[in-house]
Amino acid sequence: MKHAVWITLLIAAIVVNIAAELVFYFGDVYIAMFYRIVLITGITIISAVFVGAILLVGVLEGEKPLSGNVRDTLGADKKTD
C-alpha cells in the first residue's frame, strides 16, 4: 500500500503542476501553490482510501468460510450424518 500511495503522490504532483502551467499559459489564470498542494493532498488521500479498500476486499476473498460445523449450513461441503 505504501508504494501505491507514494506513486500516486508523485503522479498527482506532476499532473497538477502541468495542468496549472497549461491553465496559466492558455488562460492567463495563475493557480496559487496553496491550491496545488490541496489538490495533490486530496488526490493522494482519496487514492489511499481506495487502495486500502481494494486490499481489504482481497483479504476477504482469501478467507475460508466456517461452513460444515453447524446443522443448518447450506454450503456444498456440508457433512452428511
Protein backbone atom coordinates (compact mmCIF):
# COMPACT_ATOMS: atom_id res chain seq x y z
CA MET A 1 0.00 0.00 0.00
CA LYS A 2 2.86 2.35 0.77
CA HIS A 3 4.24 2.06 -2.74
CA ALA A 4 0.87 2.78 -4.35
CA VAL A 5 0.39 5.90 -2.22
CA TRP A 6 3.90 7.20 -2.97
CA ILE A 7 3.44 6.57 -6.69
CA THR A 8 0.10 8.37 -6.59
CA LEU A 9 1.67 11.29 -4.75
CA LEU A 10 4.37 11.68 -7.39
CA ILE A 11 1.94 11.32 -10.30
CA ALA A 12 -0.50 13.77 -8.69
CA ALA A 13 2.27 16.34 -8.15
CA ILE A 14 3.36 16.11 -11.76
CA VAL A 15 -0.15 16.16 -13.26
CA VAL A 16 -1.42 19.02 -11.07
CA ASN A 17 1.61 21.20 -11.82
CA ILE A 18 1.41 20.50 -15.56
CA ALA A 19 -2.32 21.30 -15.53
CA ALA A 20 -1.68 24.54 -13.61
CA GLU A 21 1.01 25.60 -16.06
CA LEU A 22 -1.27 24.86 -19.02
CA VAL A 23 -4.07 26.90 -17.44
CA PHE A 24 -1.65 29.78 -16.92
CA TYR A 25 -0.29 29.52 -20.46
CA PHE A 26 -3.63 29.30 -22.25
CA GLY A 27 -5.90 31.22 -19.89
CA ASP A 28 -3.65 33.69 -18.06
CA VAL A 29 -5.03 32.46 -14.74
CA TYR A 30 -2.44 31.74 -12.05
CA ILE A 31 -3.30 28.89 -9.68
CA ALA A 32 -1.64 29.54 -6.33
CA MET A 33 0.70 26.97 -4.84
CA PHE A 34 -1.66 26.50 -1.87
CA TYR A 35 -4.43 25.22 -4.15
CA ARG A 36 -1.99 22.97 -5.98
CA ILE A 37 -0.89 21.42 -2.69
CA VAL A 38 -4.54 20.97 -1.64
CA LEU A 39 -5.30 19.16 -4.91
CA ILE A 40 -2.24 16.92 -4.57
CA THR A 41 -3.10 16.05 -0.97
CA GLY A 42 -6.74 15.35 -1.83
CA ILE A 43 -5.84 13.06 -4.71
CA THR A 44 -3.34 11.19 -2.54
CA ILE A 45 -5.77 10.70 0.36
CA ILE A 46 -8.57 9.51 -1.93
CA SER A 47 -6.24 7.03 -3.62
CA ALA A 48 -5.08 5.76 -0.21
CA VAL A 49 -8.70 5.08 0.75
CA PHE A 50 -9.34 3.18 -2.48
CA VAL A 51 -6.11 1.18 -2.22
CA GLY A 52 -6.99 0.24 1.36
CA ALA A 53 -10.46 -0.85 0.29
CA ILE A 54 -9.02 -2.98 -2.51
CA LEU A 55 -6.61 -4.63 -0.08
CA LEU A 56 -9.45 -5.37 2.38
CA VAL A 57 -11.58 -6.91 -0.35
CA GLY A 58 -8.61 -9.04 -1.43
CA VAL A 59 -8.14 -10.30 2.12
CA LEU A 60 -11.85 -11.08 2.47
CA GLU A 61 -11.84 -13.07 -0.75
CA GLY A 62 -8.98 -15.20 0.54
CA GLU A 63 -10.73 -16.23 3.76
CA LYS A 64 -12.38 -19.63 4.01
CA PRO A 65 -15.92 -19.68 5.37
CA LEU A 66 -16.62 -21.60 8.55
CA SER A 67 -19.11 -23.96 6.94
CA GLY A 68 -19.81 -27.53 7.87
CA ASN A 69 -19.73 -27.00 11.62
CA VAL A 70 -23.43 -26.34 12.18
CA ARG A 71 -26.57 -28.23 11.23
CA ASP A 72 -28.12 -25.57 9.00
CA THR A 73 -25.16 -24.99 6.69
CA LEU A 74 -26.27 -24.64 3.10
CA GLY A 75 -22.82 -24.97 1.51
CA ALA A 76 -21.63 -27.76 -0.73
CA ASP A 77 -19.24 -29.07 1.92
CA LYS A 78 -21.98 -29.99 4.41
CA LYS A 79 -21.28 -33.27 6.13
CA THR A 80 -23.93 -35.92 5.86
CA ASP A 81 -24.71 -37.53 9.21
